[in-house]
Amino acid sequence: MSQTLLRVKNLHTVFPIESGEVRAVNGINFNLDRGKVLGIVGESGSGKSVTAYSILRILDNPGRISQGEILFEDEDIVKMPIGSVRQIRGAKISIIFQDPMTSLNPVYTVGNQLMEAILLHTKRNRKQAQERALEMLKLVGVNEPDKRLKQYPHQLSGGMRQRVMIAMALACEPDILIADEPTTALDVTIQAQILELMRDLKDRMGMSIIMITHDLGVIAEMCDEIIVMYAGRICERGIVDEIFYNPRHEYTKGLLRSIPKITAAHERLTPIGGSPVDLLNMPAGCPFSARCDQAMKVCLTEYPEEIRVAQEHLASCWVNVRDGIRYEGGEGARTNA
């Protein structure tokens, strides 16, 4: 059995509009290994969620995958008939959406919505589906699960709704869980509980996770490897320690400078200046160059190649070329590209 469960190759996702084509995802490559947690981080509009929706082929119109492959267990999801993709969604690859209040249907009870997924993707009858729904609510730490099955989403707290979404995503024991900003609307205490729950369920069920967030604190706590995205491209990737302690792209450095530190409570945060790049009119060079303090002439005209800066660390930044930073370790180097 292959260790790599998912391979994304040269993925391009576009949204045609009257004035042109928004290139939301622009030629990204990554692998996800069995039992691993891969973090995808970047500011709003960097292409994180569109990448997730592309994997499941749930893009809003007029979005479409214009190029590339998404290989799940060596089968290309891009080329699959939509009926085959529907069999994978929920059963093999599940997703937790950003906002549980808008993701859950307000006119159906929690139990009804949980059972729907179970009945659709398994051979259980209604009684067995109800038992499984109850079991899943207990598993994710929902108190009084019998009562919650009969309640509507608006009757639950934000943390409780998020737990219901996790229960729904895990009900069919998927191989991959995509968590799209799973803790954004939660307070710090509930956020910690949700992350602890996801770690526990990952270990118990042996699944892989793609964690999508703009919160580097969440990434540090959960992930084995990190991908940093900007303007629909991957600008840096590597193991957690490399990204946090040896960032090699100016955008990653900017994200890290924006994190409040307990040891520097009175220091001012340093925001990244400027505005995100216009995806309708992408520059010829590095898309971050207009906001980068280290930008050189070459940054404006040529996109930097991805180079290995450490054994398990790659970055696309001309500053590394200028400074002669390149790993020459040769064999044994591992990449998620």
C-alpha atoms as a PDB file:
ATOM      1  CA  MET A   1       0.000   0.000   0.000  1.00  0.00           C
ATOM      2  CA  SER A   2       1.355   3.418  -0.973  1.00  0.00           C
ATOM      3  CA  GLN A   3       2.235   5.745   1.905  1.00  0.00           C
ATOM      4  CA  THR A   4       0.960   8.722  -0.107  1.00  0.00           C
ATOM      5  CA  LEU A   5      -2.826   8.978  -0.026  1.00  0.00           C
ATOM      6  CA  LEU A   6      -3.389  12.164  -2.033  1.00  0.00           C
ATOM      7  CA  ARG A   7      -1.289  13.797  -4.768  1.00  0.00           C
ATOM      8  CA  VAL A   8      -2.139  17.218  -6.155  1.00  0.00           C
ATOM      9  CA  LYS A   9      -0.228  17.935  -9.373  1.00  0.00           C
ATOM     10  CA  ASN A  10      -0.052  21.292 -11.174  1.00  0.00           C
ATOM     11  CA  LEU A  11      -3.548  22.263 -10.036  1.00  0.00           C
ATOM     12  CA  HIS A  12      -5.068  25.362 -11.674  1.00  0.00           C
ATOM     13  CA  THR A  13      -8.525  26.573 -10.619  1.00  0.00           C
ATOM     14  CA  VAL A  14     -10.060  29.589 -12.319  1.00  0.00           C
ATOM     15  CA  PHE A  15     -13.227  31.684 -12.045  1.00  0.00           C
ATOM     16  CA  PRO A  16     -14.158  33.230 -15.431  1.00  0.00           C
ATOM     17  CA  ILE A  17     -15.881  36.612 -15.126  1.00  0.00           C
ATOM     18  CA  GLU A  18     -16.779  39.335 -17.625  1.00  0.00           C
ATOM     19  CA  SER A  19     -13.495  41.207 -17.214  1.00  0.00           C
ATOM     20  CA  GLY A  20     -11.240  38.151 -17.423  1.00  0.00           C
ATOM     21  CA  GLU A  21     -10.273  35.072 -15.469  1.00  0.00           C
ATOM     22  CA  VAL A  22      -9.537  35.013 -11.736  1.00  0.00           C
ATOM     23  CA  ARG A  23      -6.715  32.509 -11.218  1.00  0.00           C
ATOM     24  CA  ALA A  24      -7.515  31.455  -7.670  1.00  0.00           C
ATOM     25  CA  VAL A  25      -5.169  28.459  -7.656  1.00  0.00           C
ATOM     26  CA  ASN A  26      -2.198  28.738  -9.938  1.00  0.00           C
ATOM     27  CA  GLY A  27      -0.212  25.533 -10.445  1.00  0.00           C
ATOM     28  CA  ILE A  28       0.241  24.024  -6.984  1.00  0.00           C
ATOM     29  CA  ASN A  29       1.729  20.616  -6.125  1.00  0.00           C
ATOM     30  CA  PHE A  30       1.647  18.705  -2.844  1.00  0.00           C
ATOM     31  CA  ASN A  31       1.284  15.228  -1.357  1.00  0.00           C
ATOM     32  CA  LEU A  32      -0.576  14.029   1.717  1.00  0.00           C
ATOM     33  CA  ASP A  33       0.706  10.893   3.449  1.00  0.00           C
ATOM     34  CA  ARG A  34      -1.421   8.463   5.433  1.00  0.00           C
ATOM     35  CA  GLY A  35      -1.912   9.449   9.056  1.00  0.00           C
ATOM     36  CA  LYS A  36      -0.259  12.854   8.619  1.00  0.00           C
ATOM     37  CA  VAL A  37      -1.543  16.392   9.204  1.00  0.00           C
ATOM     38  CA  LEU A  38      -0.768  18.906   6.477  1.00  0.00           C
ATOM     39  CA  GLY A  39      -1.331  22.578   7.233  1.00  0.00           C
ATOM     40  CA  ILE A  40      -2.188  25.112   4.529  1.00  0.00           C
ATOM     41  CA  VAL A  41      -1.768  28.682   5.746  1.00  0.00           C
ATOM     42  CA  GLY A  42      -2.130  32.110   4.183  1.00  0.00           C
ATOM     43  CA  GLU A  43      -4.221  35.261   4.376  1.00  0.00           C
ATOM     44  CA  SER A  44      -7.744  35.549   2.960  1.00  0.00           C
ATOM     45  CA  GLY A  45      -7.760  35.187  -0.828  1.00  0.00           C
ATOM     46  CA  SER A  46      -4.571  33.125  -0.995  1.00  0.00           C
ATOM     47  CA  GLY A  47      -6.374  30.088  -2.458  1.00  0.00           C
ATOM     48  CA  LYS A  48      -6.574  27.837   0.606  1.00  0.00           C
ATOM     49  CA  SER A  49     -10.309  27.111   0.563  1.00  0.00           C
ATOM     50  CA  VAL A  50     -10.477  26.955  -3.237  1.00  0.00           C
ATOM     51  CA  THR A  51      -7.814  24.233  -3.089  1.00  0.00           C
ATOM     52  CA  ALA A  52     -10.005  22.245  -0.673  1.00  0.00           C
ATOM     53  CA  TYR A  53     -13.139  22.732  -2.768  1.00  0.00           C
ATOM     54  CA  SER A  54     -11.206  21.704  -5.884  1.00  0.00           C
ATOM     55  CA  ILE A  55     -10.201  18.415  -4.233  1.00  0.00           C
ATOM     56  CA  LEU A  56     -13.881  17.618  -3.599  1.00  0.00           C
ATOM     57  CA  ARG A  57     -15.090  19.302  -6.806  1.00  0.00           C
ATOM     58  CA  ILE A  58     -17.577  21.493  -4.967  1.00  0.00           C
ATOM     59  CA  LEU A  59     -16.582  24.792  -6.575  1.00  0.00           C
ATOM     60  CA  ASP A  60     -19.239  27.479  -6.902  1.00  0.00           C
ATOM     61  CA  ASN A  61     -20.141  28.439 -10.478  1.00  0.00           C
ATOM     62  CA  PRO A  62     -18.421  29.574 -12.606  1.00  0.00           C
ATOM     63  CA  GLY A  63     -15.340  28.065 -10.935  1.00  0.00           C
ATOM     64  CA  ARG A  64     -13.624  25.182 -12.695  1.00  0.00           C
ATOM     65  CA  ILE A  65     -10.407  23.186 -12.643  1.00  0.00           C
ATOM     66  CA  SER A  66      -8.653  24.236 -15.849  1.00  0.00           C
ATOM     67  CA  GLN A  67      -5.565  22.066 -15.508  1.00  0.00           C
ATOM     68  CA  GLY A  68      -3.874  19.487 -13.292  1.00  0.00           C
ATOM     69  CA  GLU A  69      -4.507  16.215 -11.481  1.00  0.00           C
ATOM     70  CA  ILE A  70      -5.883  15.301  -8.039  1.00  0.00           C
ATOM     71  CA  LEU A  71      -4.918  11.689  -7.442  1.00  0.00           C
ATOM     72  CA  PHE A  72      -6.696   9.966  -4.562  1.00  0.00           C
ATOM     73  CA  GLU A  73      -5.434   6.400  -4.182  1.00  0.00           C
ATOM     74  CA  ASP A  74      -4.004   6.812  -7.726  1.00  0.00           C
ATOM     75  CA  GLU A  75      -7.395   7.720  -9.256  1.00  0.00           C
ATOM     76  CA  ASP A  76      -7.755  11.201 -10.755  1.00  0.00           C
ATOM     77  CA  ILE A  77     -10.707  12.992  -9.149  1.00  0.00           C
ATOM     78  CA  VAL A  78     -10.590  15.654 -11.883  1.00  0.00           C
ATOM     79  CA  LYS A  79     -11.444  13.089 -14.576  1.00  0.00           C
ATOM     80  CA  MET A  80     -13.988  11.093 -12.565  1.00  0.00           C
ATOM     81  CA  PRO A  81     -17.701  11.173 -13.461  1.00  0.00           C
ATOM     82  CA  ILE A  82     -19.516  13.341 -10.926  1.00  0.00           C
ATOM     83  CA  GLY A  83     -21.393  10.283  -9.638  1.00  0.00           C
ATOM     84  CA  SER A  84     -18.104   8.642  -8.644  1.00  0.00           C
ATOM     85  CA  VAL A  85     -16.948  11.856  -6.954  1.00  0.00           C
ATOM     86  CA  ARG A  86     -20.154  11.919  -4.876  1.00  0.00           C
ATOM     87  CA  GLN A  87     -19.329   8.425  -3.607  1.00  0.00           C
ATOM     88  CA  ILE A  88     -15.965   9.715  -2.367  1.00  0.00           C
ATOM     89  CA  ARG A  89     -17.346  12.844  -0.669  1.00  0.00           C
ATOM     90  CA  GLY A  90     -18.208  12.127   2.943  1.00  0.00           C
ATOM     91  CA  ALA A  91     -17.241   8.458   2.678  1.00  0.00           C
ATOM     92  CA  LYS A  92     -13.534   8.769   1.764  1.00  0.00           C
ATOM     93  CA  ILE A  93     -12.854  12.519   1.970  1.00  0.00           C
ATOM     94  CA  SER A  94     -14.864  14.730   4.326  1.00  0.00           C
ATOM     95  CA  ILE A  95     -14.794  18.459   4.977  1.00  0.00           C
ATOM     96  CA  ILE A  96     -15.575  20.694   7.938  1.00  0.00           C
ATOM     97  CA  PHE A  97     -16.684  24.046   6.532  1.00  0.00           C
ATOM     98  CA  GLN A  98     -15.731  27.433   7.966  1.00  0.00           C
ATOM     99  CA  ASP A  99     -19.039  28.468   9.512  1.00  0.00           C
ATOM    100  CA  PRO A 100     -21.138  25.720  11.133  1.00  0.00           C
ATOM    101  CA  MET A 101     -24.175  28.023  11.460  1.00  0.00           C
ATOM    102  CA  THR A 102     -24.466  28.467   7.691  1.00  0.00           C
ATOM    103  CA  SER A 103     -23.252  24.939   6.864  1.00  0.00           C
ATOM    104  CA  LEU A 104     -25.963  23.235   8.902  1.00  0.00           C
ATOM    105  CA  ASN A 105     -29.508  23.398   7.538  1.00  0.00           C
ATOM    106  CA  PRO A 106     -31.635  25.502   9.951  1.00  0.00           C
ATOM    107  CA  VAL A 107     -34.897  23.685   9.148  1.00  0.00           C
ATOM    108  CA  TYR A 108     -33.702  20.153   9.924  1.00  0.00           C
ATOM    109  CA  THR A 109     -32.746  18.701  13.297  1.00  0.00           C
ATOM    110  CA  VAL A 110     -29.162  17.789  14.084  1.00  0.00           C
ATOM    111  CA  GLY A 111     -30.102  14.110  14.119  1.00  0.00           C
ATOM    112  CA  ASN A 112     -31.758  14.322  10.707  1.00  0.00           C
ATOM    113  CA  GLN A 113     -28.660  15.893   9.151  1.00  0.00           C
ATOM    114  CA  LEU A 114     -26.268  13.413  10.766  1.00  0.00           C
ATOM    115  CA  MET A 115     -28.373  10.452   9.681  1.00  0.00           C
ATOM    116  CA  GLU A 116     -28.622  11.731   6.114  1.00  0.00           C
ATOM    117  CA  ALA A 117     -24.848  11.434   5.615  1.00  0.00           C
ATOM    118  CA  ILE A 118     -24.755   7.988   7.217  1.00  0.00           C
ATOM    119  CA  LEU A 119     -27.664   6.652   5.142  1.00  0.00           C
ATOM    120  CA  LEU A 120     -26.157   8.078   1.955  1.00  0.00           C
ATOM    121  CA  HIS A 121     -22.664   6.614   2.320  1.00  0.00           C
ATOM    122  CA  THR A 122     -23.181   3.393   4.303  1.00  0.00           C
ATOM    123  CA  LYS A 123     -25.500   0.385   4.195  1.00  0.00           C
ATOM    124  CA  ARG A 124     -27.061   1.118   7.593  1.00  0.00           C
ATOM    125  CA  ASN A 125     -30.848   1.312   7.960  1.00  0.00           C
ATOM    126  CA  ARG A 126     -32.557   4.224   9.737  1.00  0.00           C
ATOM    127  CA  LYS A 127     -32.351   2.646  13.200  1.00  0.00           C
ATOM    128  CA  GLN A 128     -28.663   1.850  12.755  1.00  0.00           C
ATOM    129  CA  ALA A 129     -28.035   5.325  11.339  1.00  0.00           C
ATOM    130  CA  GLN A 130     -29.631   6.896  14.413  1.00  0.00           C
ATOM    131  CA  GLU A 131     -27.471   4.736  16.684  1.00  0.00           C
ATOM    132  CA  ARG A 132     -24.386   5.786  14.713  1.00  0.00           C
ATOM    133  CA  ALA A 133     -25.374   9.466  14.934  1.00  0.00           C
ATOM    134  CA  LEU A 134     -25.729   9.131  18.705  1.00  0.00           C
ATOM    135  CA  GLU A 135     -22.385   7.349  18.903  1.00  0.00           C
ATOM    136  CA  MET A 136     -20.665  10.131  16.930  1.00  0.00           C
ATOM    137  CA  LEU A 137     -22.104  12.893  19.125  1.00  0.00           C
ATOM    138  CA  LYS A 138     -20.740  11.057  22.176  1.00  0.00           C
ATOM    139  CA  LEU A 139     -17.383  10.626  20.443  1.00  0.00           C
ATOM    140  CA  VAL A 140     -16.973  14.360  19.808  1.00  0.00           C
ATOM    141  CA  GLY A 141     -17.913  15.237  23.388  1.00  0.00           C
ATOM    142  CA  VAL A 142     -21.456  16.593  22.949  1.00  0.00           C
ATOM    143  CA  ASN A 143     -23.305  16.511  26.259  1.00  0.00           C
ATOM    144  CA  GLU A 144     -26.839  15.084  26.411  1.00  0.00           C
ATOM    145  CA  PRO A 145     -26.519  13.581  22.876  1.00  0.00           C
ATOM    146  CA  ASP A 146     -30.075  12.138  22.898  1.00  0.00           C
ATOM    147  CA  LYS A 147     -31.458  15.624  23.438  1.00  0.00           C
ATOM    148  CA  ARG A 148     -29.143  17.216  20.837  1.00  0.00           C
ATOM    149  CA  LEU A 149     -30.332  14.837  18.115  1.00  0.00           C
ATOM    150  CA  LYS A 150     -33.796  16.395  18.348  1.00  0.00           C
ATOM    151  CA  GLN A 151     -32.609  20.007  18.428  1.00  0.00           C
ATOM    152  CA  TYR A 152     -32.130  22.469  15.582  1.00  0.00           C
ATOM    153  CA  PRO A 153     -28.765  24.191  14.864  1.00  0.00           C
ATOM    154  CA  HIS A 154     -29.886  27.555  16.286  1.00  0.00           C
ATOM    155  CA  GLN A 155     -30.507  25.892  19.654  1.00  0.00           C
ATOM    156  CA  LEU A 156     -26.817  24.957  20.013  1.00  0.00           C
ATOM    157  CA  SER A 157     -23.804  27.088  20.933  1.00  0.00           C
ATOM    158  CA  GLY A 158     -21.059  27.813  18.386  1.00  0.00           C
ATOM    159  CA  GLY A 159     -18.730  25.221  19.910  1.00  0.00           C
ATOM    160  CA  MET A 160     -21.511  22.631  19.966  1.00  0.00           C
ATOM    161  CA  ARG A 161     -22.368  23.287  16.306  1.00  0.00           C
ATOM    162  CA  GLN A 162     -18.707  22.857  15.398  1.00  0.00           C
ATOM    163  CA  ARG A 163     -18.645  19.516  17.206  1.00  0.00           C
ATOM    164  CA  VAL A 164     -21.747  18.459  15.262  1.00  0.00           C
ATOM    165  CA  MET A 165     -19.966  19.372  12.012  1.00  0.00           C
ATOM    166  CA  ILE A 166     -16.978  17.255  13.047  1.00  0.00           C
ATOM    167  CA  ALA A 167     -19.285  14.370  13.958  1.00  0.00           C
ATOM    168  CA  MET A 168     -20.959  14.634  10.552  1.00  0.00           C
ATOM    169  CA  ALA A 169     -17.592  14.701   8.761  1.00  0.00           C
ATOM    170  CA  LEU A 170     -16.303  11.658  10.657  1.00  0.00           C
ATOM    171  CA  ALA A 171     -19.498   9.578  10.697  1.00  0.00           C
ATOM    172  CA  CYS A 172     -18.404   7.447   7.732  1.00  0.00           C
ATOM    173  CA  GLU A 173     -14.778   7.131   8.914  1.00  0.00           C
ATOM    174  CA  PRO A 174     -13.106   8.954   5.994  1.00  0.00           C
ATOM    175  CA  ASP A 175      -9.474   8.494   5.010  1.00  0.00           C
ATOM    176  CA  ILE A 176      -9.002  12.274   4.733  1.00  0.00           C
ATOM    177  CA  LEU A 177     -10.555  15.067   6.770  1.00  0.00           C
ATOM    178  CA  ILE A 178     -10.306  18.595   5.344  1.00  0.00           C
ATOM    179  CA  ALA A 179     -10.751  21.134   8.136  1.00  0.00           C
ATOM    180  CA  ASP A 180     -11.376  24.572   6.616  1.00  0.00           C
ATOM    181  CA  GLU A 181     -10.863  27.192   9.349  1.00  0.00           C
ATOM    182  CA  PRO A 182     -12.437  24.857  11.947  1.00  0.00           C
ATOM    183  CA  THR A 183     -11.851  27.170  14.919  1.00  0.00           C
ATOM    184  CA  THR A 184     -12.340  30.662  13.428  1.00  0.00           C
ATOM    185  CA  ALA A 185     -15.588  31.580  15.194  1.00  0.00           C
ATOM    186  CA  LEU A 186     -14.743  29.940  18.515  1.00  0.00           C
ATOM    187  CA  ASP A 187     -13.360  31.377  21.719  1.00  0.00           C
ATOM    188  CA  VAL A 188      -9.896  30.271  22.858  1.00  0.00           C
ATOM    189  CA  THR A 189     -11.115  27.640  25.339  1.00  0.00           C
ATOM    190  CA  ILE A 190     -13.461  25.959  22.849  1.00  0.00           C
ATOM    191  CA  GLN A 191     -10.777  26.224  20.148  1.00  0.00           C
ATOM    192  CA  ALA A 192      -8.335  24.276  22.321  1.00  0.00           C
ATOM    193  CA  GLN A 193     -10.979  21.615  22.980  1.00  0.00           C
ATOM    194  CA  ILE A 194     -11.764  21.230  19.253  1.00  0.00           C
ATOM    195  CA  LEU A 195      -8.069  20.882  18.339  1.00  0.00           C
ATOM    196  CA  GLU A 196      -7.522  18.336  21.098  1.00  0.00           C
ATOM    197  CA  LEU A 197     -10.579  16.436  19.861  1.00  0.00           C
ATOM    198  CA  MET A 198      -9.293  16.379  16.272  1.00  0.00           C
ATOM    199  CA  ARG A 199      -5.862  15.141  17.381  1.00  0.00           C
ATOM    200  CA  ASP A 200      -7.445  12.393  19.452  1.00  0.00           C
ATOM    201  CA  LEU A 201      -9.777  11.296  16.630  1.00  0.00           C
ATOM    202  CA  LYS A 202      -6.907  11.315  14.111  1.00  0.00           C
ATOM    203  CA  ASP A 203      -4.889   8.968  16.305  1.00  0.00           C
ATOM    204  CA  ARG A 204      -7.896   6.792  17.076  1.00  0.00           C
ATOM    205  CA  MET A 205      -9.135   6.506  13.481  1.00  0.00           C
ATOM    206  CA  GLY A 206      -5.776   6.693  11.664  1.00  0.00           C
ATOM    207  CA  MET A 207      -6.952   9.320   9.185  1.00  0.00           C
ATOM    208  CA  SER A 208      -5.042  12.102   7.432  1.00  0.00           C
ATOM    209  CA  ILE A 209      -5.967  15.764   7.909  1.00  0.00           C
ATOM    210  CA  ILE A 210      -5.602  18.860   5.761  1.00  0.00           C
ATOM    211  CA  MET A 211      -5.831  21.803   8.158  1.00  0.00           C
ATOM    212  CA  ILE A 212      -6.642  25.095   6.406  1.00  0.00           C
ATOM    213  CA  THR A 213      -6.261  28.261   8.451  1.00  0.00           C
ATOM    214  CA  HIS A 214      -4.757  31.723   8.689  1.00  0.00           C
ATOM    215  CA  ASP A 215      -3.882  31.047  12.336  1.00  0.00           C
ATOM    216  CA  LEU A 216      -0.233  29.988  12.646  1.00  0.00           C
ATOM    217  CA  GLY A 217      -0.805  29.043  16.290  1.00  0.00           C
ATOM    218  CA  VAL A 218      -3.268  26.353  15.222  1.00  0.00           C
ATOM    219  CA  ILE A 219      -0.841  25.149  12.554  1.00  0.00           C
ATOM    220  CA  ALA A 220       2.040  24.851  15.046  1.00  0.00           C
ATOM    221  CA  GLU A 221      -0.079  22.765  17.402  1.00  0.00           C
ATOM    222  CA  MET A 222      -1.583  20.367  14.868  1.00  0.00           C
ATOM    223  CA  CYS A 223       0.579  19.825  11.812  1.00  0.00           C
ATOM    224  CA  ASP A 224       3.486  17.674  10.649  1.00  0.00           C
ATOM    225  CA  GLU A 225       4.144  19.764   7.535  1.00  0.00           C
ATOM    226  CA  ILE A 226       3.134  23.266   6.448  1.00  0.00           C
ATOM    227  CA  ILE A 227       2.366  24.823   3.073  1.00  0.00           C
ATOM    228  CA  VAL A 228       2.335  28.626   2.902  1.00  0.00           C
ATOM    229  CA  MET A 229       0.165  29.991   0.072  1.00  0.00           C
ATOM    230  CA  TYR A 230       0.063  33.447  -1.463  1.00  0.00           C
ATOM    231  CA  ALA A 231      -1.895  34.534  -4.568  1.00  0.00           C
ATOM    232  CA  GLY A 232      -2.879  30.976  -5.454  1.00  0.00           C
ATOM    233  CA  ARG A 233       0.688  29.670  -5.329  1.00  0.00           C
ATOM    234  CA  ILE A 234       2.801  27.830  -2.788  1.00  0.00           C
ATOM    235  CA  CYS A 235       5.607  30.151  -1.741  1.00  0.00           C
ATOM    236  CA  GLU A 236       7.102  27.971   1.007  1.00  0.00           C
ATOM    237  CA  ARG A 237       6.715  24.453   2.384  1.00  0.00           C
ATOM    238  CA  GLY A 238       8.420  22.314   4.994  1.00  0.00           C
ATOM    239  CA  ILE A 239       8.226  20.627   8.378  1.00  0.00           C
ATOM    240  CA  VAL A 240       6.855  22.718  11.240  1.00  0.00           C
ATOM    241  CA  ASP A 241      10.176  23.523  12.938  1.00  0.00           C
ATOM    242  CA  GLU A 242      11.730  24.713   9.677  1.00  0.00           C
ATOM    243  CA  ILE A 243       8.864  27.059   8.850  1.00  0.00           C
ATOM    244  CA  PHE A 244       8.669  28.558  12.340  1.00  0.00           C
ATOM    245  CA  TYR A 245      12.358  28.783  13.211  1.00  0.00           C
ATOM    246  CA  ASN A 246      13.931  29.220   9.791  1.00  0.00           C
ATOM    247  CA  PRO A 247      11.408  30.896   7.427  1.00  0.00           C
ATOM    248  CA  ARG A 248      12.915  31.470   3.981  1.00  0.00           C
ATOM    249  CA  HIS A 249      10.210  33.464   2.201  1.00  0.00           C
ATOM    250  CA  GLU A 250       9.542  37.116   3.001  1.00  0.00           C
ATOM    251  CA  TYR A 251       5.775  36.524   3.135  1.00  0.00           C
ATOM    252  CA  THR A 252       6.176  33.769   5.751  1.00  0.00           C
ATOM    253  CA  LYS A 253       8.418  36.070   7.778  1.00  0.00           C
ATOM    254  CA  GLY A 254       5.708  38.736   7.614  1.00  0.00           C
ATOM    255  CA  LEU A 255       3.059  36.301   8.850  1.00  0.00           C
ATOM    256  CA  LEU A 256       5.265  35.286  11.781  1.00  0.00           C
ATOM    257  CA  ARG A 257       5.966  38.919  12.697  1.00  0.00           C
ATOM    258  CA  SER A 258       2.206  39.491  12.899  1.00  0.00           C
ATOM    259  CA  ILE A 259       1.720  36.951  15.714  1.00  0.00           C
ATOM    260  CA  PRO A 260       1.344  38.380  19.245  1.00  0.00           C
ATOM    261  CA  LYS A 261       3.984  36.985  21.627  1.00  0.00           C
ATOM    262  CA  ILE A 262       3.448  36.440  25.357  1.00  0.00           C
ATOM    263  CA  THR A 263       7.094  37.344  26.039  1.00  0.00           C
ATOM    264  CA  ALA A 264       6.737  40.659  24.205  1.00  0.00           C
ATOM    265  CA  ALA A 265       3.392  41.883  25.504  1.00  0.00           C
ATOM    266  CA  HIS A 266       4.206  45.589  25.049  1.00  0.00           C
ATOM    267  CA  GLU A 267       5.793  45.350  21.604  1.00  0.00           C
ATOM    268  CA  ARG A 268       3.871  46.639  18.602  1.00  0.00           C
ATOM    269  CA  LEU A 269       2.807  44.071  16.020  1.00  0.00           C
ATOM    270  CA  THR A 270       4.295  44.484  12.571  1.00  0.00           C
ATOM    271  CA  PRO A 271       1.586  44.069   9.917  1.00  0.00           C
ATOM    272  CA  ILE A 272       2.357  43.206   6.310  1.00  0.00           C
ATOM    273  CA  GLY A 273       2.068  46.431   4.328  1.00  0.00           C
ATOM    274  CA  GLY A 274       0.134  46.927   1.096  1.00  0.00           C
ATOM    275  CA  SER A 275      -2.802  44.978  -0.305  1.00  0.00           C
ATOM    276  CA  PRO A 276      -3.108  41.438  -1.673  1.00  0.00           C
ATOM    277  CA  VAL A 277      -2.322  41.063  -5.359  1.00  0.00           C
ATOM    278  CA  ASP A 278      -5.068  41.395  -8.001  1.00  0.00           C
ATOM    279  CA  LEU A 279      -5.726  37.820  -9.174  1.00  0.00           C
ATOM    280  CA  LEU A 280      -7.147  39.183 -12.445  1.00  0.00           C
ATOM    281  CA  ASN A 281      -3.852  40.887 -13.281  1.00  0.00           C
ATOM    282  CA  MET A 282      -1.099  38.750 -11.863  1.00  0.00           C
ATOM    283  CA  PRO A 283       2.397  40.260 -12.115  1.00  0.00           C
ATOM    284  CA  ALA A 284       5.055  38.586 -14.249  1.00  0.00           C
ATOM    285  CA  GLY A 285       7.372  38.154 -11.285  1.00  0.00           C
ATOM    286  CA  CYS A 286       6.830  37.240  -7.637  1.00  0.00           C
ATOM    287  CA  PRO A 287       3.255  38.185  -6.639  1.00  0.00           C
ATOM    288  CA  PHE A 288       4.494  39.337  -3.223  1.00  0.00           C
ATOM    289  CA  SER A 289       7.108  41.729  -4.635  1.00  0.00           C
ATOM    290  CA  ALA A 290       4.916  44.860  -4.335  1.00  0.00           C
ATOM    291  CA  ARG A 291       4.633  44.297  -0.554  1.00  0.00           C
ATOM    292  CA  CYS A 292       8.156  43.008   0.076  1.00  0.00           C
ATOM    293  CA  ASP A 293      10.842  45.140   1.773  1.00  0.00           C
ATOM    294  CA  GLN A 294      13.563  42.949   0.220  1.00  0.00           C
ATOM    295  CA  ALA A 295      12.257  43.115  -3.368  1.00  0.00           C
ATOM    296  CA  MET A 296      14.868  43.353  -6.133  1.00  0.00           C
ATOM    297  CA  LYS A 297      14.538  44.129  -9.827  1.00  0.00           C
ATOM    298  CA  VAL A 298      14.385  40.435 -10.735  1.00  0.00           C
ATOM    299  CA  CYS A 299      11.434  39.965  -8.335  1.00  0.00           C
ATOM    300  CA  LEU A 300       9.316  42.222 -10.549  1.00  0.00           C
ATOM    301  CA  THR A 301       9.966  40.389 -13.801  1.00  0.00           C
ATOM    302  CA  GLU A 302      10.625  36.703 -13.058  1.00  0.00           C
ATOM    303  CA  TYR A 303       8.810  34.246 -10.807  1.00  0.00           C
ATOM    304  CA  PRO A 304      11.361  32.514  -8.524  1.00  0.00           C
ATOM    305  CA  GLU A 305      11.900  28.784  -8.873  1.00  0.00           C
ATOM    306  CA  GLU A 306      11.252  26.584  -5.848  1.00  0.00           C
ATOM    307  CA  ILE A 307      14.608  25.680  -4.324  1.00  0.00           C
ATOM    308  CA  ARG A 308      15.500  23.410  -1.434  1.00  0.00           C
ATOM    309  CA  VAL A 309      16.854  25.475   1.459  1.00  0.00           C
ATOM    310  CA  ALA A 310      17.076  22.584   3.950  1.00  0.00           C
ATOM    311  CA  GLN A 311      16.524  18.832   3.825  1.00  0.00           C
ATOM    312  CA  GLU A 312      12.790  19.174   4.466  1.00  0.00           C
ATOM    313  CA  HIS A 313      12.232  22.772   3.475  1.00  0.00           C
ATOM    314  CA  LEU A 314      11.588  24.469   0.102  1.00  0.00           C
ATOM    315  CA  ALA A 315      10.905  28.107  -0.770  1.00  0.00           C
ATOM    316  CA  SER A 316      10.314  30.244  -3.866  1.00  0.00           C
ATOM    317  CA  CYS A 317      12.135  33.495  -3.114  1.00  0.00           C
ATOM    318  CA  TRP A 318      14.872  35.368  -4.998  1.00  0.00           C
ATOM    319  CA  VAL A 319      16.390  36.483  -1.680  1.00  0.00           C
ATOM    320  CA  ASN A 320      17.588  32.899  -1.137  1.00  0.00           C
ATOM    321  CA  VAL A 321      19.238  32.928  -4.567  1.00  0.00           C
ATOM    322  CA  ARG A 322      20.876  36.287  -3.814  1.00  0.00           C
ATOM    323  CA  ASP A 323      22.185  35.056  -0.474  1.00  0.00           C
ATOM    324  CA  GLY A 324      23.338  31.708  -1.888  1.00  0.00           C
ATOM    325  CA  ILE A 325      21.025  29.680   0.387  1.00  0.00           C
ATOM    326  CA  ARG A 326      20.565  26.257  -1.176  1.00  0.00           C
ATOM    327  CA  TYR A 327      20.657  22.811   0.401  1.00  0.00           C
ATOM    328  CA  GLU A 328      23.204  20.516  -1.185  1.00  0.00           C
ATOM    329  CA  GLY A 329      22.424  17.413   0.873  1.00  0.00           C
ATOM    330  CA  GLY A 330      21.531  15.366  -2.196  1.00  0.00           C
ATOM    331  CA  GLU A 331      19.929  11.985  -1.538  1.00  0.00           C
ATOM    332  CA  GLY A 332      17.629  11.509   1.394  1.00  0.00           C
ATOM    333  CA  ALA A 333      16.046  14.911   0.990  1.00  0.00           C
ATOM    334  CA  ARG A 334      12.276  14.684   1.297  1.00  0.00           C
ATOM    335  CA  THR A 335       9.748  17.010  -0.238  1.00  0.00           C
ATOM    336  CA  ASN A 336       5.984  17.322  -0.213  1.00  0.00           C
ATOM    337  CA  ALA A 337       6.056  18.722  -3.741  1.00  0.00           C
END
